[in-house]
Amino acid sequence: MTDLIVNIKKTINAPIEKVFDAWLDPAMLTRFILPMPGMPQPEVETDPREGGRFSIVMQVGDDKIPHTGRYLSLERPGRLVFSWESPYSADDSRVTLDFTEIDAATTSVELTHVKFVHEEARSDHEGGWGNILDQLDEAI
């Protein structure tokens, strides 16, 4: 269970500071934290500071699925680390976002999510995070 990892890299057409800040801004998060195409915008609340919590409630069909966590590290603009708590995550599940400036208008994002309850959950999250990064590039 603890060895299951998602690792995705994506180039985002926006400056590094803007890409980093998008992950902390609830208005911006509602525009891209969409793991499946066609989903309604989620309900998002953030307390963007180390130790602060966030809440993302996603609407999947008739179900509302809560995702919560705590910001573990905010190293603007290079790295963001947060815990990930959902019905499909294992204890101590964690997401790390590493941001690298390619040039003044382009940023590389590497997302690493560790600890899943089983391979199916890992696979579902891999697809979800991939779609989220695609949506981020469109939204920003």
C-alpha atoms as a PDB file:
ATOM      1  CA  MET A   1       0.000   0.000   0.000  1.00  0.00           C
ATOM      2  CA  THR A   2       2.592   2.599   1.021  1.00  0.00           C
ATOM      3  CA  ASP A   3       4.775   2.026  -2.053  1.00  0.00           C
ATOM      4  CA  LEU A   4       2.133   3.171  -4.554  1.00  0.00           C
ATOM      5  CA  ILE A   5       3.115   6.517  -6.114  1.00  0.00           C
ATOM      6  CA  VAL A   6       1.800   8.869  -8.794  1.00  0.00           C
ATOM      7  CA  ASN A   7       4.405  11.058 -10.496  1.00  0.00           C
ATOM      8  CA  ILE A   8       3.378  13.423 -13.304  1.00  0.00           C
ATOM      9  CA  LYS A   9       5.235  16.264 -15.039  1.00  0.00           C
ATOM     10  CA  LYS A  10       3.513  19.005 -17.016  1.00  0.00           C
ATOM     11  CA  THR A  11       4.634  22.239 -18.632  1.00  0.00           C
ATOM     12  CA  ILE A  12       2.323  25.144 -17.765  1.00  0.00           C
ATOM     13  CA  ASN A  13       2.273  28.269 -19.933  1.00  0.00           C
ATOM     14  CA  ALA A  14       2.449  30.815 -17.103  1.00  0.00           C
ATOM     15  CA  PRO A  15       5.085  32.399 -14.822  1.00  0.00           C
ATOM     16  CA  ILE A  16       6.228  30.303 -11.857  1.00  0.00           C
ATOM     17  CA  GLU A  17       4.768  32.640  -9.181  1.00  0.00           C
ATOM     18  CA  LYS A  18       1.354  32.594 -10.860  1.00  0.00           C
ATOM     19  CA  VAL A  19       1.376  28.783 -11.105  1.00  0.00           C
ATOM     20  CA  PHE A  20       2.408  28.390  -7.450  1.00  0.00           C
ATOM     21  CA  ASP A  21      -0.206  30.880  -6.219  1.00  0.00           C
ATOM     22  CA  ALA A  22      -2.990  29.183  -8.218  1.00  0.00           C
ATOM     23  CA  TRP A  23      -2.778  26.192  -5.850  1.00  0.00           C
ATOM     24  CA  LEU A  24      -3.500  28.407  -2.822  1.00  0.00           C
ATOM     25  CA  ASP A  25      -6.287  30.625  -4.222  1.00  0.00           C
ATOM     26  CA  PRO A  26      -9.764  29.086  -3.715  1.00  0.00           C
ATOM     27  CA  ALA A  27     -11.267  31.018  -6.654  1.00  0.00           C
ATOM     28  CA  MET A  28      -8.551  29.701  -8.955  1.00  0.00           C
ATOM     29  CA  LEU A  29      -8.653  26.167  -7.525  1.00  0.00           C
ATOM     30  CA  THR A  30     -12.360  25.867  -8.370  1.00  0.00           C
ATOM     31  CA  ARG A  31     -11.432  26.454 -12.015  1.00  0.00           C
ATOM     32  CA  PHE A  32      -8.877  23.644 -12.339  1.00  0.00           C
ATOM     33  CA  ILE A  33      -9.130  21.083  -9.507  1.00  0.00           C
ATOM     34  CA  LEU A  34     -11.373  18.941 -11.714  1.00  0.00           C
ATOM     35  CA  PRO A  35     -10.172  15.323 -11.957  1.00  0.00           C
ATOM     36  CA  MET A  36     -12.700  14.423 -14.665  1.00  0.00           C
ATOM     37  CA  PRO A  37     -13.793  16.408 -17.723  1.00  0.00           C
ATOM     38  CA  GLY A  38     -17.247  17.971 -17.418  1.00  0.00           C
ATOM     39  CA  MET A  39     -17.350  18.009 -13.607  1.00  0.00           C
ATOM     40  CA  PRO A  40     -19.106  20.907 -11.888  1.00  0.00           C
ATOM     41  CA  GLN A  41     -16.803  23.285 -10.043  1.00  0.00           C
ATOM     42  CA  PRO A  42     -16.021  22.055  -6.513  1.00  0.00           C
ATOM     43  CA  GLU A  43     -16.537  23.900  -3.239  1.00  0.00           C
ATOM     44  CA  VAL A  44     -13.092  25.075  -2.095  1.00  0.00           C
ATOM     45  CA  GLU A  45     -11.804  26.667   1.108  1.00  0.00           C
ATOM     46  CA  THR A  46      -8.149  27.320   1.901  1.00  0.00           C
ATOM     47  CA  ASP A  47      -6.053  28.630   4.774  1.00  0.00           C
ATOM     48  CA  PRO A  48      -2.824  28.991   2.757  1.00  0.00           C
ATOM     49  CA  ARG A  49      -0.121  28.897   5.397  1.00  0.00           C
ATOM     50  CA  GLU A  50       2.042  26.136   6.819  1.00  0.00           C
ATOM     51  CA  GLY A  51      -0.224  24.193   9.162  1.00  0.00           C
ATOM     52  CA  GLY A  52      -3.344  25.680   7.553  1.00  0.00           C
ATOM     53  CA  ARG A  53      -6.049  23.381   6.200  1.00  0.00           C
ATOM     54  CA  PHE A  54      -7.924  23.187   2.933  1.00  0.00           C
ATOM     55  CA  SER A  55     -11.215  21.599   1.917  1.00  0.00           C
ATOM     56  CA  ILE A  56     -12.299  20.591  -1.593  1.00  0.00           C
ATOM     57  CA  VAL A  57     -15.743  19.035  -2.015  1.00  0.00           C
ATOM     58  CA  MET A  58     -16.092  17.477  -5.456  1.00  0.00           C
ATOM     59  CA  GLN A  59     -19.461  16.658  -7.015  1.00  0.00           C
ATOM     60  CA  VAL A  60     -19.374  13.254  -8.745  1.00  0.00           C
ATOM     61  CA  GLY A  61     -22.835  12.432 -10.065  1.00  0.00           C
ATOM     62  CA  ASP A  62     -25.169  12.730  -7.086  1.00  0.00           C
ATOM     63  CA  ASP A  63     -22.325  12.231  -4.582  1.00  0.00           C
ATOM     64  CA  LYS A  64     -20.280  14.897  -2.827  1.00  0.00           C
ATOM     65  CA  ILE A  65     -16.767  13.645  -2.097  1.00  0.00           C
ATOM     66  CA  PRO A  66     -14.721  15.559   0.495  1.00  0.00           C
ATOM     67  CA  HIS A  67     -10.979  16.036   0.078  1.00  0.00           C
ATOM     68  CA  THR A  68      -9.136  17.772   2.876  1.00  0.00           C
ATOM     69  CA  GLY A  69      -5.589  18.261   4.020  1.00  0.00           C
ATOM     70  CA  ARG A  70      -3.014  20.383   5.748  1.00  0.00           C
ATOM     71  CA  TYR A  71      -0.349  22.531   4.119  1.00  0.00           C
ATOM     72  CA  LEU A  72       2.910  20.974   5.295  1.00  0.00           C
ATOM     73  CA  SER A  73       5.385  23.196   3.419  1.00  0.00           C
ATOM     74  CA  LEU A  74       5.018  26.385   1.358  1.00  0.00           C
ATOM     75  CA  GLU A  75       8.342  27.350  -0.239  1.00  0.00           C
ATOM     76  CA  ARG A  76       7.216  29.997  -2.736  1.00  0.00           C
ATOM     77  CA  PRO A  77       7.686  29.652  -5.627  1.00  0.00           C
ATOM     78  CA  GLY A  78       9.536  26.325  -5.742  1.00  0.00           C
ATOM     79  CA  ARG A  79       7.657  23.740  -3.688  1.00  0.00           C
ATOM     80  CA  LEU A  80       4.280  23.066  -2.097  1.00  0.00           C
ATOM     81  CA  VAL A  81       3.583  20.012   0.068  1.00  0.00           C
ATOM     82  CA  PHE A  82       0.222  19.037   1.570  1.00  0.00           C
ATOM     83  CA  SER A  83      -1.468  16.038   3.127  1.00  0.00           C
ATOM     84  CA  TRP A  84      -4.340  14.470   1.168  1.00  0.00           C
ATOM     85  CA  GLU A  85      -7.315  13.049   3.029  1.00  0.00           C
ATOM     86  CA  SER A  86     -10.188  11.491   1.088  1.00  0.00           C
ATOM     87  CA  PRO A  87     -12.273   8.314   1.131  1.00  0.00           C
ATOM     88  CA  TYR A  88      -9.726   6.859  -1.335  1.00  0.00           C
ATOM     89  CA  SER A  89      -6.452   7.810   0.349  1.00  0.00           C
ATOM     90  CA  ALA A  90      -4.295   6.008   2.866  1.00  0.00           C
ATOM     91  CA  ASP A  91      -3.136   7.469   6.173  1.00  0.00           C
ATOM     92  CA  ASP A  92      -0.230   9.876   5.637  1.00  0.00           C
ATOM     93  CA  SER A  93      -1.059  10.336   1.937  1.00  0.00           C
ATOM     94  CA  ARG A  94       0.906  13.360   0.717  1.00  0.00           C
ATOM     95  CA  VAL A  95       1.176  15.487  -2.430  1.00  0.00           C
ATOM     96  CA  THR A  96       4.366  17.348  -3.365  1.00  0.00           C
ATOM     97  CA  LEU A  97       4.396  19.936  -6.140  1.00  0.00           C
ATOM     98  CA  ASP A  98       7.804  21.028  -7.438  1.00  0.00           C
ATOM     99  CA  PHE A  99       7.811  24.129  -9.652  1.00  0.00           C
ATOM    100  CA  THR A 100      10.735  24.931 -11.969  1.00  0.00           C
ATOM    101  CA  GLU A 101      10.953  28.062 -14.080  1.00  0.00           C
ATOM    102  CA  ILE A 102      11.652  27.196 -17.710  1.00  0.00           C
ATOM    103  CA  ASP A 103      11.538  30.857 -18.761  1.00  0.00           C
ATOM    104  CA  ALA A 104       9.657  33.988 -17.644  1.00  0.00           C
ATOM    105  CA  ALA A 105       6.358  32.693 -19.098  1.00  0.00           C
ATOM    106  CA  THR A 106       6.686  28.915 -18.695  1.00  0.00           C
ATOM    107  CA  THR A 107       6.808  26.636 -15.655  1.00  0.00           C
ATOM    108  CA  SER A 108       7.464  22.927 -15.240  1.00  0.00           C
ATOM    109  CA  VAL A 109       5.290  21.293 -12.564  1.00  0.00           C
ATOM    110  CA  GLU A 110       6.168  17.899 -11.116  1.00  0.00           C
ATOM    111  CA  LEU A 111       3.413  16.373  -8.977  1.00  0.00           C
ATOM    112  CA  THR A 112       4.205  13.417  -6.721  1.00  0.00           C
ATOM    113  CA  HIS A 113       1.411  11.804  -4.684  1.00  0.00           C
ATOM    114  CA  VAL A 114       2.401   9.015  -2.286  1.00  0.00           C
ATOM    115  CA  LYS A 115       0.393   6.382  -0.387  1.00  0.00           C
ATOM    116  CA  PHE A 116      -2.777   4.840  -1.738  1.00  0.00           C
ATOM    117  CA  VAL A 117      -5.029   2.124  -0.351  1.00  0.00           C
ATOM    118  CA  HIS A 118      -4.675  -0.034  -3.495  1.00  0.00           C
ATOM    119  CA  GLU A 119      -3.547   0.034  -7.140  1.00  0.00           C
ATOM    120  CA  GLU A 120      -6.997   1.028  -8.446  1.00  0.00           C
ATOM    121  CA  ALA A 121      -7.009   4.150  -6.253  1.00  0.00           C
ATOM    122  CA  ARG A 122      -3.466   4.977  -7.424  1.00  0.00           C
ATOM    123  CA  SER A 123      -4.489   4.572 -11.061  1.00  0.00           C
ATOM    124  CA  ASP A 124      -7.639   6.688 -10.606  1.00  0.00           C
ATOM    125  CA  HIS A 125      -5.584   9.453  -8.965  1.00  0.00           C
ATOM    126  CA  GLU A 126      -3.007   9.336 -11.754  1.00  0.00           C
ATOM    127  CA  GLY A 127      -5.746  10.072 -14.299  1.00  0.00           C
ATOM    128  CA  GLY A 128      -7.324  12.676 -12.021  1.00  0.00           C
ATOM    129  CA  TRP A 129      -4.111  14.580 -11.337  1.00  0.00           C
ATOM    130  CA  GLY A 130      -3.248  14.476 -15.049  1.00  0.00           C
ATOM    131  CA  ASN A 131      -6.581  16.084 -15.898  1.00  0.00           C
ATOM    132  CA  ILE A 132      -6.129  18.645 -13.095  1.00  0.00           C
ATOM    133  CA  LEU A 133      -2.746  19.718 -14.506  1.00  0.00           C
ATOM    134  CA  ASP A 134      -4.258  19.976 -17.997  1.00  0.00           C
ATOM    135  CA  GLN A 135      -7.083  22.119 -16.583  1.00  0.00           C
ATOM    136  CA  LEU A 136      -4.550  24.297 -14.715  1.00  0.00           C
ATOM    137  CA  ASP A 137      -2.760  25.051 -17.982  1.00  0.00           C
ATOM    138  CA  GLU A 138      -6.083  26.084 -19.564  1.00  0.00           C
ATOM    139  CA  ALA A 139      -7.352  28.078 -16.549  1.00  0.00           C
ATOM    140  CA  ILE A 140      -4.222  30.097 -15.911  1.00  0.00           C
END
